[in-house]
């Protein structure tokens, strides 16, 4: 009788210790060449320049003030931006400072303040503007710039605007050349950028 010890013993060969798999190779981003960097910089510069040209061409235009009829806010040789697009999407309002072609010589441009709109009744009594039967409050005209001119009552024609300079005693405006038609108005003064002492929004 065989005992268990007589049975052959079978053993699996000892497994060799497993070595850990090597980590995957680290990806190194491809080096950006200097020429490629310059190309990206030039592309961004061209896009910025094109955007600036579009903005200036279709939205804003730099202009220079000539004369002192809009003192004290605008001084002679102030440089400012006008918005050429705003009146395509919104209405001209009383108090807006606008740029328009001079009715008697469209080659020239004037900058004045809108005082009356189409259909308004306007008269001037010794410097005081009356609008639709009420005196117009004009905080933008200091007392030293007022004058004593008068003008009989008129009704502003359709599609026309009555313009006046803030320096009333020297301004050539609608008191002389009459209301300005809408087609002559091409921009709203929005911001003085030079000189620095005058910089700011135009009110």
Foldseek 3Di string as FASTA:
>chain_A
DDDPVPDDDDDDDDDDDDDDDDDDDDDDPDDDDPVNVVVVVVVVVVVVVVVVVCCCVQFKPKDFAADDLQPPQDDHGFIFIWTQCVCVPDPDDFQFWFKFQDPVGSVDIDTFGFHDAAFWKWWAAQQFIAINNHTDDDPSADPVQTGGDIGDIDGHHPQWTFTGHSSRVPTDGCVPVNTHGNVGTGTTTFFTDPDPVSTDGDD
